[in-house]
Amino acid sequence: MSYGDPRYDKSWKQQADEIAAAIANGDAIVCYAKCESCQFGCHYDEPTWHSWAGPEDIAHAKATGQKDPSDSRCGCSCAEAEQ
């Protein structure tokens, strides 16, 4: 058991609860590191750069004043090629 600063020394349950509350309150969002195609096993045969963001993600970011996610590379190994 740790006796550190309780503001920083939290259990995984406390952290998970805080993250869930932030998402529910709209104070945080969840972003997938992989595009929908890669998530479902549809990969590029030759690695080629592509974003994780789809049209819905880009439209949502624009509508909510967030940074355009289209320049963020997909996290899949088939997207390792340079942009």
Protein backbone atom coordinates (compact mmCIF):
# COMPACT_ATOMS: atom_id res chain seq x y z
CA MET A 1 0.00 0.00 0.00
CA SER A 2 1.25 3.45 -0.89
CA TYR A 3 1.07 6.45 1.39
CA GLY A 4 1.91 9.13 -1.19
CA ASP A 5 -0.02 12.26 -2.06
CA PRO A 6 -3.69 11.20 -2.45
CA ARG A 7 -4.15 13.67 -5.33
CA TYR A 8 -1.70 11.66 -7.43
CA ASP A 9 -1.68 8.25 -5.80
CA LYS A 10 -4.95 6.83 -7.10
CA SER A 11 -6.07 3.30 -7.74
CA TRP A 12 -6.98 2.21 -11.25
CA LYS A 13 -10.64 2.22 -10.16
CA GLN A 14 -10.47 5.85 -9.03
CA GLN A 15 -8.73 6.82 -12.27
CA ALA A 16 -11.28 4.91 -14.36
CA ASP A 17 -14.14 6.59 -12.50
CA GLU A 18 -12.65 10.03 -13.08
CA ILE A 19 -12.11 9.33 -16.79
CA ALA A 20 -15.68 8.01 -17.17
CA ALA A 21 -17.06 11.08 -15.39
CA ALA A 22 -15.03 13.42 -17.62
CA ILE A 23 -16.34 11.69 -20.75
CA ALA A 24 -19.92 11.75 -19.45
CA ASN A 25 -19.64 15.45 -18.60
CA GLY A 26 -18.21 16.31 -22.02
CA ASP A 27 -14.86 17.31 -20.52
CA ALA A 28 -13.00 14.60 -22.44
CA ILE A 29 -13.36 12.63 -25.64
CA VAL A 30 -12.17 9.22 -26.77
CA CYS A 31 -10.19 9.09 -30.00
CA TYR A 32 -9.36 5.86 -31.75
CA ALA A 33 -5.77 5.53 -32.88
CA LYS A 34 -6.84 3.41 -35.84
CA CYS A 35 -9.22 4.20 -38.66
CA GLU A 36 -12.44 2.20 -38.86
CA SER A 37 -11.15 0.08 -41.75
CA CYS A 38 -8.05 -1.00 -39.81
CA GLN A 39 -10.12 -1.67 -36.69
CA PHE A 40 -12.13 -4.20 -38.69
CA GLY A 41 -9.17 -5.87 -40.41
CA CYS A 42 -9.24 -4.08 -43.78
CA HIS A 43 -5.61 -3.00 -44.23
CA TYR A 44 -3.58 -1.54 -47.08
CA ASP A 45 -1.62 -4.28 -48.87
CA GLU A 46 1.27 -1.87 -49.39
CA PRO A 47 1.75 0.42 -46.42
CA THR A 48 0.40 3.84 -47.23
CA TRP A 49 -0.13 6.90 -45.08
CA HIS A 50 -3.72 7.43 -44.03
CA SER A 51 -5.51 9.20 -41.20
CA TRP A 52 -7.49 7.54 -38.44
CA ALA A 53 -10.14 10.23 -38.94
CA GLY A 54 -13.11 9.56 -41.16
CA PRO A 55 -15.58 12.07 -42.59
CA GLU A 56 -17.71 12.00 -39.43
CA ASP A 57 -14.67 12.69 -37.22
CA ILE A 58 -13.59 15.61 -39.39
CA ALA A 59 -17.11 17.09 -39.49
CA HIS A 60 -17.48 16.71 -35.71
CA ALA A 61 -14.15 18.43 -35.07
CA LYS A 62 -15.11 21.30 -37.35
CA ALA A 63 -18.57 21.66 -35.77
CA THR A 64 -17.14 21.72 -32.24
CA GLY A 65 -14.18 24.00 -32.95
CA GLN A 66 -11.53 21.31 -32.52
CA LYS A 67 -8.32 20.84 -34.51
CA ASP A 68 -8.78 19.09 -37.86
CA PRO A 69 -7.84 15.45 -37.18
CA SER A 70 -7.27 14.54 -40.83
CA ASP A 71 -3.50 15.06 -40.49
CA SER A 72 -3.24 12.50 -37.66
CA ARG A 73 -1.85 9.18 -38.90
CA CYS A 74 -3.72 5.95 -38.28
CA GLY A 75 -2.02 3.81 -35.62
CA CYS A 76 -2.03 0.66 -37.74
CA SER A 77 1.21 -0.75 -39.17
CA CYS A 78 -0.24 -0.49 -42.68
CA ALA A 79 -0.13 3.32 -42.32
CA GLU A 80 3.60 3.51 -41.56
CA ALA A 81 4.51 5.07 -44.91
CA GLU A 82 5.42 8.76 -44.86
CA GLN A 83 2.77 11.34 -45.65
